[in-house]
Amino acid sequence: MKLKFTKMHGAGNDFVVLDGIHQQVDLSAEQWRALADRHFGVGADQLLVVEKPTIDGVDFRYRIFNADGGEVEHCGNGARCFVKFVRDHQLTDQRSVRVQVQQGILTLTMHEDGQVSVDMGRPELSPAKVPFDAHGLTGRPEHDDLLWPLEVDGKTVWISVVSMGNPHAVQTVDDVERFPVAHDGPLIERHARFPNRVNAGFMQVLDRHTIRLRVYERGAGETLACGTGACAAVVAGIRRGLLDTPVAVHTHGGILSIAWDGAGAVVMTGAATTVFEGEIEL
């Protein structure tokens, strides 16, 4: 099977994007893994598919597969690349499109300067809906948030749990660059308290409008940036009384701007970049 693809990135979070409207994209988990392989395939954190919608009132269906071959609910940085892809490939001439994802509908807008804003929807803060098993735990109130204790490698860490259509556990650290993300990340990602696994975020607050963030993504490992992780971190920071909107989120791949009024939808703004296009035999 030959597939045409486009390699893209949003703040260093890189993707293989496939047009599933003009070619058949029906891959096994093994084929998704082969496509994402950085040595023997194209290489990507995640793989994105553009499809015709299956519901009324939207322009496209947006599907996301992790590098491990599993399909996931959401990817914010990928959403920015998605709207650039459909415009660059003349699948639409609209600057703003509505797309269907597993957990609902997203509105994506490309501005004249090339920046892309994504209406990420309202965060879900109920532990049961993240989902997070809080049975037997006592949360610690902090401003408008409730921090939860999590046993990680013999120590207790305090986390905020947030769903941005996918699950996130956010903790604040003193120095994110020195923090052992490679060690603690996978322990949190696969913690028994998260039945669907979780994206583990590590946030350092620099001032009320600026943070540094590293995210160990579910099924992908640490990436250069995570859009939903940036949104979850800002939501947690605002609820804890540590941050004010908007917030500049500094990642290893670049800077994302996140705005949230404390009640409505989270809006993420950042760049989307095309790297190259090609065709691969799978």
C-alpha atoms as a PDB file:
ATOM      1  CA  MET A   1       0.000   0.000   0.000  1.00  0.00           C
ATOM      2  CA  LYS A   2       1.343   3.424  -0.998  1.00  0.00           C
ATOM      3  CA  LEU A   3       0.326   6.458   1.028  1.00  0.00           C
ATOM      4  CA  LYS A   4       0.907  10.127   0.330  1.00  0.00           C
ATOM      5  CA  PHE A   5       1.741  12.038   3.492  1.00  0.00           C
ATOM      6  CA  THR A   6       2.779  15.434   4.821  1.00  0.00           C
ATOM      7  CA  LYS A   7       5.249  15.837   7.688  1.00  0.00           C
ATOM      8  CA  MET A   8       4.320  18.777   9.946  1.00  0.00           C
ATOM      9  CA  HIS A   9       5.011  20.111  13.415  1.00  0.00           C
ATOM     10  CA  GLY A  10       3.469  22.445  15.962  1.00  0.00           C
ATOM     11  CA  ALA A  11       6.065  23.797  18.411  1.00  0.00           C
ATOM     12  CA  GLY A  12       8.252  20.777  17.683  1.00  0.00           C
ATOM     13  CA  ASN A  13       5.465  18.259  18.348  1.00  0.00           C
ATOM     14  CA  ASP A  14       5.705  16.426  15.018  1.00  0.00           C
ATOM     15  CA  PHE A  15       3.094  14.641  12.947  1.00  0.00           C
ATOM     16  CA  VAL A  16       2.521  12.626   9.822  1.00  0.00           C
ATOM     17  CA  VAL A  17      -0.712  13.931   8.279  1.00  0.00           C
ATOM     18  CA  LEU A  18      -2.731  11.784   5.863  1.00  0.00           C
ATOM     19  CA  ASP A  19      -5.553  12.790   3.529  1.00  0.00           C
ATOM     20  CA  GLY A  20      -8.145  10.098   4.171  1.00  0.00           C
ATOM     21  CA  ILE A  21     -10.628  11.708   1.784  1.00  0.00           C
ATOM     22  CA  HIS A  22      -8.727  11.154  -1.470  1.00  0.00           C
ATOM     23  CA  GLN A  23      -6.914   7.964  -0.470  1.00  0.00           C
ATOM     24  CA  GLN A  24      -7.856   4.965   1.628  1.00  0.00           C
ATOM     25  CA  VAL A  25      -6.283   5.046   5.086  1.00  0.00           C
ATOM     26  CA  ASP A  26      -7.082   1.811   6.904  1.00  0.00           C
ATOM     27  CA  LEU A  27      -3.959   0.777   8.777  1.00  0.00           C
ATOM     28  CA  SER A  28      -3.275  -1.815  11.431  1.00  0.00           C
ATOM     29  CA  ALA A  29      -1.610  -0.865  14.716  1.00  0.00           C
ATOM     30  CA  GLU A  30       1.589  -2.400  13.341  1.00  0.00           C
ATOM     31  CA  GLN A  31       1.440  -0.174  10.245  1.00  0.00           C
ATOM     32  CA  TRP A  32       0.810   2.943  12.348  1.00  0.00           C
ATOM     33  CA  ARG A  33       3.872   2.060  14.423  1.00  0.00           C
ATOM     34  CA  ALA A  34       5.944   1.516  11.270  1.00  0.00           C
ATOM     35  CA  LEU A  35       4.912   4.903   9.876  1.00  0.00           C
ATOM     36  CA  ALA A  36       5.827   6.644  13.144  1.00  0.00           C
ATOM     37  CA  ASP A  37       9.179   4.855  13.488  1.00  0.00           C
ATOM     38  CA  ARG A  38      11.996   7.425  13.322  1.00  0.00           C
ATOM     39  CA  HIS A  39      14.544   4.949  11.963  1.00  0.00           C
ATOM     40  CA  PHE A  40      12.563   2.835   9.500  1.00  0.00           C
ATOM     41  CA  GLY A  41       9.503   5.006   8.794  1.00  0.00           C
ATOM     42  CA  VAL A  42       8.755   8.719   8.444  1.00  0.00           C
ATOM     43  CA  GLY A  43       8.884   9.409  12.177  1.00  0.00           C
ATOM     44  CA  ALA A  44       6.347  11.263  14.308  1.00  0.00           C
ATOM     45  CA  ASP A  45       4.971  11.734  17.789  1.00  0.00           C
ATOM     46  CA  GLN A  46       1.485  11.205  16.387  1.00  0.00           C
ATOM     47  CA  LEU A  47      -0.285  10.468  13.118  1.00  0.00           C
ATOM     48  CA  LEU A  48      -3.262  12.536  11.968  1.00  0.00           C
ATOM     49  CA  VAL A  49      -5.976  11.594   9.493  1.00  0.00           C
ATOM     50  CA  VAL A  50      -8.331  13.968   7.649  1.00  0.00           C
ATOM     51  CA  GLU A  51     -11.654  12.289   6.891  1.00  0.00           C
ATOM     52  CA  LYS A  52     -15.162  13.217   5.821  1.00  0.00           C
ATOM     53  CA  PRO A  53     -17.362  13.881   8.861  1.00  0.00           C
ATOM     54  CA  THR A  54     -19.870  11.326  10.089  1.00  0.00           C
ATOM     55  CA  ILE A  55     -22.134  13.942  11.727  1.00  0.00           C
ATOM     56  CA  ASP A  56     -23.902  17.054  10.448  1.00  0.00           C
ATOM     57  CA  GLY A  57     -22.712  20.616  10.988  1.00  0.00           C
ATOM     58  CA  VAL A  58     -18.960  20.039  10.762  1.00  0.00           C
ATOM     59  CA  ASP A  59     -16.421  20.249   7.949  1.00  0.00           C
ATOM     60  CA  PHE A  60     -14.091  17.313   8.660  1.00  0.00           C
ATOM     61  CA  ARG A  61     -13.408  14.394  10.945  1.00  0.00           C
ATOM     62  CA  TYR A  62     -10.043  14.537  12.746  1.00  0.00           C
ATOM     63  CA  ARG A  63      -8.500  11.249  13.930  1.00  0.00           C
ATOM     64  CA  ILE A  64      -5.300  10.893  15.980  1.00  0.00           C
ATOM     65  CA  PHE A  65      -3.048   7.864  16.443  1.00  0.00           C
ATOM     66  CA  ASN A  66      -0.127   7.701  18.849  1.00  0.00           C
ATOM     67  CA  ALA A  67       3.279   6.383  17.850  1.00  0.00           C
ATOM     68  CA  ASP A  68       2.408   3.129  19.640  1.00  0.00           C
ATOM     69  CA  GLY A  69      -0.466   2.557  17.198  1.00  0.00           C
ATOM     70  CA  GLY A  70      -3.327   3.366  19.559  1.00  0.00           C
ATOM     71  CA  GLU A  71      -6.060   5.833  18.609  1.00  0.00           C
ATOM     72  CA  VAL A  72      -6.549   8.701  21.073  1.00  0.00           C
ATOM     73  CA  GLU A  73      -9.145  11.372  21.728  1.00  0.00           C
ATOM     74  CA  HIS A  74      -7.414  14.678  21.104  1.00  0.00           C
ATOM     75  CA  CYS A  75      -4.220  16.510  20.155  1.00  0.00           C
ATOM     76  CA  GLY A  76      -4.079  20.296  20.311  1.00  0.00           C
ATOM     77  CA  ASN A  77      -0.823  20.871  18.434  1.00  0.00           C
ATOM     78  CA  GLY A  78      -2.061  18.451  15.803  1.00  0.00           C
ATOM     79  CA  ALA A  79      -5.273  20.455  15.457  1.00  0.00           C
ATOM     80  CA  ARG A  80      -3.268  23.514  14.418  1.00  0.00           C
ATOM     81  CA  CYS A  81      -1.460  21.445  11.790  1.00  0.00           C
ATOM     82  CA  PHE A  82      -4.802  19.986  10.695  1.00  0.00           C
ATOM     83  CA  VAL A  83      -6.287  23.333   9.662  1.00  0.00           C
ATOM     84  CA  LYS A  84      -3.094  24.356   7.837  1.00  0.00           C
ATOM     85  CA  PHE A  85      -3.115  21.014   6.008  1.00  0.00           C
ATOM     86  CA  VAL A  86      -6.719  21.258   4.794  1.00  0.00           C
ATOM     87  CA  ARG A  87      -6.153  24.821   3.576  1.00  0.00           C
ATOM     88  CA  ASP A  88      -2.802  24.086   1.915  1.00  0.00           C
ATOM     89  CA  HIS A  89      -4.288  21.049   0.143  1.00  0.00           C
ATOM     90  CA  GLN A  90      -7.348  22.995  -1.069  1.00  0.00           C
ATOM     91  CA  LEU A  91      -9.744  20.842   0.938  1.00  0.00           C
ATOM     92  CA  THR A  92     -11.306  24.113   2.132  1.00  0.00           C
ATOM     93  CA  ASP A  93     -10.879  27.842   1.537  1.00  0.00           C
ATOM     94  CA  GLN A  94     -12.328  28.780   4.922  1.00  0.00           C
ATOM     95  CA  ARG A  95     -10.111  30.290   7.603  1.00  0.00           C
ATOM     96  CA  SER A  96     -12.252  28.741  10.318  1.00  0.00           C
ATOM     97  CA  VAL A  97     -13.369  25.104  10.259  1.00  0.00           C
ATOM     98  CA  ARG A  98     -15.298  22.847  12.612  1.00  0.00           C
ATOM     99  CA  VAL A  99     -13.944  19.339  13.053  1.00  0.00           C
ATOM    100  CA  GLN A 100     -15.298  16.191  14.645  1.00  0.00           C
ATOM    101  CA  VAL A 101     -13.108  14.446  17.234  1.00  0.00           C
ATOM    102  CA  GLN A 102     -13.830  11.537  19.565  1.00  0.00           C
ATOM    103  CA  GLN A 103     -14.911  13.795  22.415  1.00  0.00           C
ATOM    104  CA  GLY A 104     -16.918  16.401  20.503  1.00  0.00           C
ATOM    105  CA  ILE A 105     -16.341  19.271  18.067  1.00  0.00           C
ATOM    106  CA  LEU A 106     -13.407  21.678  17.755  1.00  0.00           C
ATOM    107  CA  THR A 107     -13.297  25.056  16.015  1.00  0.00           C
ATOM    108  CA  LEU A 108      -9.942  25.796  14.350  1.00  0.00           C
ATOM    109  CA  THR A 109      -9.063  29.246  12.984  1.00  0.00           C
ATOM    110  CA  MET A 110      -6.063  30.267  10.878  1.00  0.00           C
ATOM    111  CA  HIS A 111      -5.154  33.949  11.212  1.00  0.00           C
ATOM    112  CA  GLU A 112      -3.618  36.083   8.475  1.00  0.00           C
ATOM    113  CA  ASP A 113      -0.215  35.986  10.202  1.00  0.00           C
ATOM    114  CA  GLY A 114      -0.189  32.177   9.990  1.00  0.00           C
ATOM    115  CA  GLN A 115      -0.888  31.624  13.673  1.00  0.00           C
ATOM    116  CA  VAL A 116      -3.674  29.170  14.441  1.00  0.00           C
ATOM    117  CA  SER A 117      -6.176  29.363  17.295  1.00  0.00           C
ATOM    118  CA  VAL A 118      -7.995  26.293  18.516  1.00  0.00           C
ATOM    119  CA  ASP A 119     -11.145  26.431  20.612  1.00  0.00           C
ATOM    120  CA  MET A 120     -10.291  23.467  22.820  1.00  0.00           C
ATOM    121  CA  GLY A 121     -13.648  23.355  24.578  1.00  0.00           C
ATOM    122  CA  ARG A 122     -14.330  23.489  28.290  1.00  0.00           C
ATOM    123  CA  PRO A 123     -12.059  21.502  30.596  1.00  0.00           C
ATOM    124  CA  GLU A 124     -13.551  18.587  32.505  1.00  0.00           C
ATOM    125  CA  LEU A 125     -12.558  18.685  36.160  1.00  0.00           C
ATOM    126  CA  SER A 126     -14.525  15.820  37.671  1.00  0.00           C
ATOM    127  CA  PRO A 127     -12.092  13.008  38.606  1.00  0.00           C
ATOM    128  CA  ALA A 128     -14.552  10.354  37.442  1.00  0.00           C
ATOM    129  CA  LYS A 129     -14.717  11.909  33.981  1.00  0.00           C
ATOM    130  CA  VAL A 130     -10.958  12.415  33.506  1.00  0.00           C
ATOM    131  CA  PRO A 131     -10.979   9.457  34.449  1.00  0.00           C
ATOM    132  CA  PHE A 132      -9.088   9.305  37.763  1.00  0.00           C
ATOM    133  CA  ASP A 133      -9.847   6.838  40.544  1.00  0.00           C
ATOM    134  CA  ALA A 134     -10.009   9.007  43.672  1.00  0.00           C
ATOM    135  CA  HIS A 135     -11.534   6.255  45.822  1.00  0.00           C
ATOM    136  CA  GLY A 136     -10.066   6.315  49.318  1.00  0.00           C
ATOM    137  CA  LEU A 137      -8.106   9.532  48.712  1.00  0.00           C
ATOM    138  CA  THR A 138      -8.516  12.852  50.494  1.00  0.00           C
ATOM    139  CA  GLY A 139      -7.983  15.863  48.270  1.00  0.00           C
ATOM    140  CA  ARG A 140      -6.236  19.029  49.435  1.00  0.00           C
ATOM    141  CA  PRO A 141      -8.144  22.242  48.635  1.00  0.00           C
ATOM    142  CA  GLU A 142      -6.057  24.994  47.051  1.00  0.00           C
ATOM    143  CA  HIS A 143      -7.930  28.112  45.892  1.00  0.00           C
ATOM    144  CA  ASP A 144     -10.548  26.736  43.418  1.00  0.00           C
ATOM    145  CA  ASP A 145      -8.720  23.469  42.802  1.00  0.00           C
ATOM    146  CA  LEU A 146      -8.532  20.166  44.626  1.00  0.00           C
ATOM    147  CA  LEU A 147      -5.100  18.540  44.616  1.00  0.00           C
ATOM    148  CA  TRP A 148      -4.903  14.766  44.831  1.00  0.00           C
ATOM    149  CA  PRO A 149      -2.131  12.686  46.426  1.00  0.00           C
ATOM    150  CA  LEU A 150      -0.459  10.144  44.145  1.00  0.00           C
ATOM    151  CA  GLU A 151       2.088   7.593  45.297  1.00  0.00           C
ATOM    152  CA  VAL A 152       4.975   7.568  42.816  1.00  0.00           C
ATOM    153  CA  ASP A 153       8.044   5.446  43.474  1.00  0.00           C
ATOM    154  CA  GLY A 154       7.649   5.571  47.249  1.00  0.00           C
ATOM    155  CA  LYS A 155       6.867   9.283  47.500  1.00  0.00           C
ATOM    156  CA  THR A 156       3.659  11.314  47.481  1.00  0.00           C
ATOM    157  CA  VAL A 157       3.182  13.928  44.763  1.00  0.00           C
ATOM    158  CA  TRP A 158       0.206  16.300  44.595  1.00  0.00           C
ATOM    159  CA  ILE A 159      -1.530  16.553  41.237  1.00  0.00           C
ATOM    160  CA  SER A 160      -4.376  18.377  39.542  1.00  0.00           C
ATOM    161  CA  VAL A 161      -6.461  16.169  37.251  1.00  0.00           C
ATOM    162  CA  VAL A 162      -7.928  17.747  34.113  1.00  0.00           C
ATOM    163  CA  SER A 163      -9.449  16.387  30.936  1.00  0.00           C
ATOM    164  CA  MET A 164      -9.099  18.401  27.732  1.00  0.00           C
ATOM    165  CA  GLY A 165     -10.840  15.611  25.848  1.00  0.00           C
ATOM    166  CA  ASN A 166      -7.906  13.451  26.981  1.00  0.00           C
ATOM    167  CA  PRO A 167      -6.627  12.846  30.531  1.00  0.00           C
ATOM    168  CA  HIS A 168      -3.935  14.957  32.215  1.00  0.00           C
ATOM    169  CA  ALA A 169      -2.186  14.912  35.589  1.00  0.00           C
ATOM    170  CA  VAL A 170      -0.407  18.208  36.340  1.00  0.00           C
ATOM    171  CA  GLN A 171       2.066  18.878  39.128  1.00  0.00           C
ATOM    172  CA  THR A 172       4.129  21.966  39.901  1.00  0.00           C
ATOM    173  CA  VAL A 173       7.898  21.622  40.282  1.00  0.00           C
ATOM    174  CA  ASP A 174      10.631  24.043  41.312  1.00  0.00           C
ATOM    175  CA  ASP A 175      12.919  23.472  38.310  1.00  0.00           C
ATOM    176  CA  VAL A 176      11.344  21.671  35.377  1.00  0.00           C
ATOM    177  CA  GLU A 177      14.638  21.353  33.491  1.00  0.00           C
ATOM    178  CA  ARG A 178      16.216  19.391  36.333  1.00  0.00           C
ATOM    179  CA  PHE A 179      13.136  17.359  37.157  1.00  0.00           C
ATOM    180  CA  PRO A 180      13.400  13.590  36.372  1.00  0.00           C
ATOM    181  CA  VAL A 181      10.606  13.550  33.786  1.00  0.00           C
ATOM    182  CA  ALA A 182      12.037  10.450  32.090  1.00  0.00           C
ATOM    183  CA  HIS A 183      11.763   8.563  35.397  1.00  0.00           C
ATOM    184  CA  ASP A 184       8.521   9.880  36.905  1.00  0.00           C
ATOM    185  CA  GLY A 185       6.651  10.398  33.617  1.00  0.00           C
ATOM    186  CA  PRO A 186       6.072   6.734  32.741  1.00  0.00           C
ATOM    187  CA  LEU A 187       5.244   5.868  36.359  1.00  0.00           C
ATOM    188  CA  ILE A 188       2.452   8.441  36.362  1.00  0.00           C
ATOM    189  CA  GLU A 189       1.355   7.644  32.789  1.00  0.00           C
ATOM    190  CA  ARG A 190       0.638   4.022  33.731  1.00  0.00           C
ATOM    191  CA  HIS A 191      -0.433   4.592  37.344  1.00  0.00           C
ATOM    192  CA  ALA A 192      -3.273   2.305  38.433  1.00  0.00           C
ATOM    193  CA  ARG A 193      -5.355   5.346  39.440  1.00  0.00           C
ATOM    194  CA  PHE A 194      -5.711   6.245  35.737  1.00  0.00           C
ATOM    195  CA  PRO A 195      -7.642   3.431  34.013  1.00  0.00           C
ATOM    196  CA  ASN A 196      -7.032   4.894  30.531  1.00  0.00           C
ATOM    197  CA  ARG A 197      -3.458   5.958  31.353  1.00  0.00           C
ATOM    198  CA  VAL A 198      -2.661   9.674  31.487  1.00  0.00           C
ATOM    199  CA  ASN A 199      -0.507  12.486  30.103  1.00  0.00           C
ATOM    200  CA  ALA A 200       1.853  13.595  32.874  1.00  0.00           C
ATOM    201  CA  GLY A 201       2.585  17.339  32.989  1.00  0.00           C
ATOM    202  CA  PHE A 202       5.365  19.029  34.966  1.00  0.00           C
ATOM    203  CA  MET A 203       4.900  22.797  35.337  1.00  0.00           C
ATOM    204  CA  GLN A 204       7.248  25.478  36.655  1.00  0.00           C
ATOM    205  CA  VAL A 205       5.554  28.839  37.303  1.00  0.00           C
ATOM    206  CA  LEU A 206       7.822  31.760  36.320  1.00  0.00           C
ATOM    207  CA  ASP A 207       5.283  34.547  36.903  1.00  0.00           C
ATOM    208  CA  ARG A 208       1.517  34.958  36.740  1.00  0.00           C
ATOM    209  CA  HIS A 209       1.520  34.933  32.936  1.00  0.00           C
ATOM    210  CA  THR A 210       4.422  32.580  32.167  1.00  0.00           C
ATOM    211  CA  ILE A 211       5.227  28.918  32.779  1.00  0.00           C
ATOM    212  CA  ARG A 212       7.714  26.321  31.626  1.00  0.00           C
ATOM    213  CA  LEU A 213       6.215  22.938  30.842  1.00  0.00           C
ATOM    214  CA  ARG A 214       7.336  19.416  30.046  1.00  0.00           C
ATOM    215  CA  VAL A 215       4.848  16.655  29.259  1.00  0.00           C
ATOM    216  CA  TYR A 216       5.316  12.902  29.184  1.00  0.00           C
ATOM    217  CA  GLU A 217       2.588  11.961  26.731  1.00  0.00           C
ATOM    218  CA  ARG A 218       0.539   8.814  26.931  1.00  0.00           C
ATOM    219  CA  GLY A 219       1.746   6.416  24.250  1.00  0.00           C
ATOM    220  CA  ALA A 220       4.413   8.783  22.916  1.00  0.00           C
ATOM    221  CA  GLY A 221       6.809   9.602  25.772  1.00  0.00           C
ATOM    222  CA  GLU A 222       8.145  13.101  26.351  1.00  0.00           C
ATOM    223  CA  THR A 223       7.514  15.361  23.370  1.00  0.00           C
ATOM    224  CA  LEU A 224       8.834  18.823  22.528  1.00  0.00           C
ATOM    225  CA  ALA A 225       5.373  20.272  23.147  1.00  0.00           C
ATOM    226  CA  CYS A 226       1.865  19.105  24.038  1.00  0.00           C
ATOM    227  CA  GLY A 227      -1.049  21.403  23.231  1.00  0.00           C
ATOM    228  CA  THR A 228      -3.663  19.744  25.423  1.00  0.00           C
ATOM    229  CA  GLY A 229      -1.012  19.464  28.140  1.00  0.00           C
ATOM    230  CA  ALA A 230      -0.385  23.216  27.929  1.00  0.00           C
ATOM    231  CA  CYS A 231      -4.123  23.854  28.264  1.00  0.00           C
ATOM    232  CA  ALA A 232      -4.441  21.480  31.222  1.00  0.00           C
ATOM    233  CA  ALA A 233      -1.468  23.085  32.984  1.00  0.00           C
ATOM    234  CA  VAL A 234      -2.884  26.594  32.563  1.00  0.00           C
ATOM    235  CA  VAL A 235      -6.328  25.488  33.750  1.00  0.00           C
ATOM    236  CA  ALA A 236      -4.742  23.904  36.828  1.00  0.00           C
ATOM    237  CA  GLY A 237      -2.589  26.983  37.472  1.00  0.00           C
ATOM    238  CA  ILE A 238      -5.516  29.398  37.201  1.00  0.00           C
ATOM    239  CA  ARG A 239      -7.699  27.232  39.438  1.00  0.00           C
ATOM    240  CA  ARG A 240      -4.907  27.064  42.015  1.00  0.00           C
ATOM    241  CA  GLY A 241      -4.595  30.862  42.015  1.00  0.00           C
ATOM    242  CA  LEU A 242      -1.071  30.753  40.559  1.00  0.00           C
ATOM    243  CA  LEU A 243      -1.766  32.175  37.080  1.00  0.00           C
ATOM    244  CA  ASP A 244      -3.811  34.820  35.268  1.00  0.00           C
ATOM    245  CA  THR A 245      -4.989  34.581  31.672  1.00  0.00           C
ATOM    246  CA  PRO A 246      -3.448  34.684  29.093  1.00  0.00           C
ATOM    247  CA  VAL A 247      -0.431  32.499  29.799  1.00  0.00           C
ATOM    248  CA  ALA A 248       2.697  32.003  27.679  1.00  0.00           C
ATOM    249  CA  VAL A 249       3.650  28.332  27.912  1.00  0.00           C
ATOM    250  CA  HIS A 250       7.333  27.762  27.170  1.00  0.00           C
ATOM    251  CA  THR A 251       8.091  24.256  25.907  1.00  0.00           C
ATOM    252  CA  HIS A 252      11.247  22.767  24.416  1.00  0.00           C
ATOM    253  CA  GLY A 253       9.659  23.188  20.981  1.00  0.00           C
ATOM    254  CA  GLY A 254       8.375  26.747  21.259  1.00  0.00           C
ATOM    255  CA  ILE A 255       5.837  29.005  22.949  1.00  0.00           C
ATOM    256  CA  LEU A 256       2.076  28.492  23.068  1.00  0.00           C
ATOM    257  CA  SER A 257      -0.425  31.125  24.187  1.00  0.00           C
ATOM    258  CA  ILE A 258      -3.287  29.784  26.310  1.00  0.00           C
ATOM    259  CA  ALA A 259      -6.342  31.819  27.349  1.00  0.00           C
ATOM    260  CA  TRP A 260      -9.081  30.725  29.758  1.00  0.00           C
ATOM    261  CA  ASP A 261     -11.657  32.837  31.591  1.00  0.00           C
ATOM    262  CA  GLY A 262     -12.093  30.294  34.361  1.00  0.00           C
ATOM    263  CA  ALA A 263     -15.437  28.992  33.150  1.00  0.00           C
ATOM    264  CA  GLY A 264     -15.721  28.683  29.363  1.00  0.00           C
ATOM    265  CA  ALA A 265     -13.648  27.197  26.581  1.00  0.00           C
ATOM    266  CA  VAL A 266      -9.855  27.180  26.573  1.00  0.00           C
ATOM    267  CA  VAL A 267      -8.275  28.830  23.506  1.00  0.00           C
ATOM    268  CA  MET A 268      -4.799  27.828  22.363  1.00  0.00           C
ATOM    269  CA  THR A 269      -2.817  29.856  19.804  1.00  0.00           C
ATOM    270  CA  GLY A 270       0.447  28.903  18.128  1.00  0.00           C
ATOM    271  CA  ALA A 271       2.221  28.148  14.869  1.00  0.00           C
ATOM    272  CA  ALA A 272       1.843  25.218  12.462  1.00  0.00           C
ATOM    273  CA  THR A 273       4.670  24.302  10.086  1.00  0.00           C
ATOM    274  CA  THR A 274       4.960  22.018   7.057  1.00  0.00           C
ATOM    275  CA  VAL A 275       8.309  20.212   6.904  1.00  0.00           C
ATOM    276  CA  PHE A 276       8.068  18.054   3.760  1.00  0.00           C
ATOM    277  CA  GLU A 277       5.753  15.846   1.712  1.00  0.00           C
ATOM    278  CA  GLY A 278       6.267  12.376   0.330  1.00  0.00           C
ATOM    279  CA  GLU A 279       4.956   8.909  -0.394  1.00  0.00           C
ATOM    280  CA  ILE A 280       5.687   5.718   1.516  1.00  0.00           C
ATOM    281  CA  GLU A 281       5.105   2.016   0.864  1.00  0.00           C
ATOM    282  CA  LEU A 282       3.634   0.176   3.852  1.00  0.00           C
END
